């Protein structure tokens, strides 16, 4: 696929990991996404370290996350992209034992063109993206036109460190 393909949709994907070699896992996921059929990674944010969100009461404290956001050009429908991202997560050993559990890899479709999608398995725009510094800061780095100063101000207190 060519980056300038005018039928391609521009989408943004958030990546995060906090188990194992999280930095390498995120980098490997970016390569794997670029290798997907009809998909091309066109921009990549820096890597960021962020504190884990609170999990269930009594659950052990989770290690810090490594996060990034990428821009892709994609010729496939969003639901197929989601299926392929979930396969990449599974290959990395992703499990979902409880809400906000530590994870080897988390891949979320943030935006898929200007589409609004609400199904049982996929919601786009991502429903909590505007509340999370670990999404907004790297997204603003690669697509500043998508993130207002007010949105960034709203997440300023959340710990995030550029690596």
Protein backbone atom coordinates (compact mmCIF):
# COMPACT_ATOMS: atom_id res chain seq x y z
CA UNK A 1 0.00 0.00 0.00
CA UNK A 2 1.18 3.52 -0.72
CA UNK A 3 0.91 6.25 1.92
CA UNK A 4 -0.79 8.55 -0.57
CA UNK A 5 -3.52 6.09 -1.53
CA UNK A 6 -6.61 8.31 -1.62
CA UNK A 7 -8.96 5.45 -0.67
CA UNK A 8 -7.07 4.86 2.56
CA UNK A 9 -8.55 5.94 5.89
CA UNK A 10 -6.32 7.69 8.40
CA UNK A 11 -6.63 6.00 11.77
CA UNK A 12 -4.91 6.43 15.12
CA UNK A 13 -3.98 3.55 17.41
CA UNK A 14 -2.88 3.74 21.03
CA UNK A 15 -0.32 1.21 22.21
CA UNK A 16 0.48 0.31 25.80
CA UNK A 17 2.30 -2.40 27.73
CA UNK A 18 3.46 -2.86 31.31
CA UNK A 19 4.54 -6.50 31.62
CA UNK A 20 7.77 -8.05 30.43
CA UNK A 21 9.97 -5.91 28.18
CA UNK A 22 7.22 -3.35 27.59
CA UNK A 23 9.38 -1.03 25.49
CA UNK A 24 10.33 -3.78 23.07
CA UNK A 25 6.78 -5.12 23.01
CA UNK A 26 5.42 -1.72 21.93
CA UNK A 27 8.11 -1.40 19.25
CA UNK A 28 7.40 -4.93 17.99
CA UNK A 29 3.67 -4.14 17.86
CA UNK A 30 4.34 -1.09 15.66
CA UNK A 31 6.30 -3.30 13.24
CA UNK A 32 3.52 -5.91 13.31
CA UNK A 33 0.86 -3.28 12.56
CA UNK A 34 2.93 -1.95 9.67
CA UNK A 35 3.10 -5.52 8.32
CA UNK A 36 -0.70 -5.93 8.32
CA UNK A 37 -2.30 -6.19 4.88
CA UNK A 38 -3.47 -2.89 3.40
CA UNK A 39 -1.97 -0.96 6.34
CA UNK A 40 0.91 1.48 6.57
CA UNK A 41 2.26 3.22 9.68
CA UNK A 42 2.75 6.85 8.63
CA UNK A 43 3.57 8.55 11.97
CA UNK A 44 4.77 7.36 15.33
CA UNK A 45 4.92 9.27 18.61
CA UNK A 46 7.74 9.09 21.07
CA UNK A 47 7.48 6.46 23.78
CA UNK A 48 6.09 7.64 27.11
CA UNK A 49 6.18 6.17 30.60
CA UNK A 50 2.97 6.53 32.58
CA UNK A 51 1.70 5.32 35.92
CA UNK A 52 -0.84 2.50 35.77
CA UNK A 53 -4.47 3.44 36.34
CA UNK A 54 -6.10 2.19 39.51
CA UNK A 55 -7.33 -1.37 39.23
CA UNK A 56 -9.71 -3.29 41.46
CA UNK A 57 -9.55 -2.59 45.20
CA UNK A 58 -7.06 -4.96 46.78
CA UNK A 59 -5.34 -5.80 43.47
CA UNK A 60 -1.55 -5.51 43.50
CA UNK A 61 -0.03 -2.25 42.22
CA UNK A 62 0.73 -2.50 38.52
CA UNK A 63 4.08 -1.53 36.97
CA UNK A 64 4.32 1.67 34.93
CA UNK A 65 3.23 1.54 31.30
CA UNK A 66 5.08 2.28 28.12
CA UNK A 67 2.68 4.09 25.76
CA UNK A 68 2.70 5.48 22.24
CA UNK A 69 0.26 6.48 19.50
CA UNK A 70 0.65 5.78 15.80
CA UNK A 71 -1.07 7.10 12.72
CA UNK A 72 -1.84 4.58 10.02
CA UNK A 73 -3.31 4.61 6.54
CA UNK A 74 -5.66 1.67 6.17
CA UNK A 75 -7.72 0.23 3.33
CA UNK A 76 -9.63 -2.30 5.42
CA UNK A 77 -12.80 -1.73 7.46
CA UNK A 78 -12.42 -0.87 11.14
CA UNK A 79 -13.82 -4.19 12.36
CA UNK A 80 -11.18 -6.11 10.37
CA UNK A 81 -8.45 -3.84 11.70
CA UNK A 82 -9.71 -4.52 15.24
CA UNK A 83 -9.57 -8.29 14.64
CA UNK A 84 -5.99 -8.03 13.42
CA UNK A 85 -4.96 -5.83 16.36
CA UNK A 86 -6.47 -8.37 18.77
CA UNK A 87 -4.43 -11.13 17.11
CA UNK A 88 -1.27 -9.07 17.66
CA UNK A 89 -2.28 -8.65 21.33
CA UNK A 90 -2.88 -12.39 21.69
CA UNK A 91 0.45 -13.22 20.10
CA UNK A 92 2.08 -10.96 22.73
CA UNK A 93 0.32 -12.95 25.48
CA UNK A 94 -2.54 -10.56 26.27
CA UNK A 95 -4.98 -11.71 28.93
CA UNK A 96 -7.97 -9.83 30.34
CA UNK A 97 -8.46 -11.13 33.90
CA UNK A 98 -10.04 -7.90 35.28
CA UNK A 99 -10.55 -4.22 34.50
CA UNK A 100 -7.26 -2.29 34.16
CA UNK A 101 -5.23 -5.44 34.79
CA UNK A 102 -1.54 -5.34 33.88
CA UNK A 103 -1.02 -6.34 30.27
CA UNK A 104 1.65 -7.47 27.92
CA UNK A 105 0.08 -5.38 25.15
CA UNK A 106 -2.97 -3.18 24.67
CA UNK A 107 -3.92 -1.84 21.23
CA UNK A 108 -6.88 0.54 20.92
CA UNK A 109 -8.33 2.15 17.81
CA UNK A 110 -8.74 5.78 18.87
CA UNK A 111 -10.04 7.28 15.64
CA UNK A 112 -10.88 5.73 12.28
CA UNK A 113 -11.20 8.57 9.79
CA UNK A 114 -14.22 10.60 10.81
CA UNK A 115 -16.33 7.52 11.40
CA UNK A 116 -18.45 7.10 14.50
CA UNK A 117 -18.80 3.40 15.29
CA UNK A 118 -20.76 1.91 18.16
CA UNK A 119 -21.02 -1.88 18.19
CA UNK A 120 -20.72 -4.50 20.88
CA UNK A 121 -17.02 -4.94 20.10
CA UNK A 122 -15.88 -1.54 18.85
CA UNK A 123 -16.53 2.07 19.82
CA UNK A 124 -14.86 4.83 17.78
CA UNK A 125 -13.89 7.46 18.75
CA UNK A 126 -12.48 5.57 21.74
CA UNK A 127 -14.84 6.44 24.61
CA UNK A 128 -12.19 7.39 27.21
CA UNK A 129 -9.45 8.84 25.02
CA UNK A 130 -10.17 12.47 25.98
CA UNK A 131 -9.64 11.64 29.68
CA UNK A 132 -6.19 10.06 29.39
CA UNK A 133 -2.85 11.82 29.21
CA UNK A 134 -1.21 8.62 27.96
CA UNK A 135 -3.37 8.94 24.83
CA UNK A 136 -3.66 12.71 24.38
CA UNK A 137 0.00 13.67 24.84
CA UNK A 138 1.38 11.24 22.23
CA UNK A 139 -1.59 11.93 19.92
CA UNK A 140 -0.92 15.68 20.16
CA UNK A 141 2.72 15.02 19.28
CA UNK A 142 1.84 13.43 15.91
CA UNK A 143 -1.52 15.10 15.18
CA UNK A 144 -1.68 18.41 17.07
CA UNK A 145 -4.74 19.50 15.10
CA UNK A 146 -6.75 16.75 16.84
CA UNK A 147 -6.02 17.72 20.46
CA UNK A 148 -6.96 21.12 21.81
CA UNK A 149 -4.98 22.96 24.47
CA UNK A 150 -8.05 22.66 26.72
CA UNK A 151 -8.03 18.86 26.35
CA UNK A 152 -4.34 18.72 27.27
CA UNK A 153 -4.97 21.05 30.23
CA UNK A 154 -7.67 18.65 31.42
CA UNK A 155 -5.17 15.79 31.82
CA UNK A 156 -2.20 17.80 33.03
CA UNK A 157 -2.16 16.26 36.53
CA UNK A 158 -1.75 12.71 35.18
CA UNK A 159 1.83 11.50 35.39
CA UNK A 160 3.46 11.07 31.99
CA UNK A 161 7.14 11.17 31.05
CA UNK A 162 8.59 11.27 27.54
CA UNK A 163 11.36 8.71 27.10
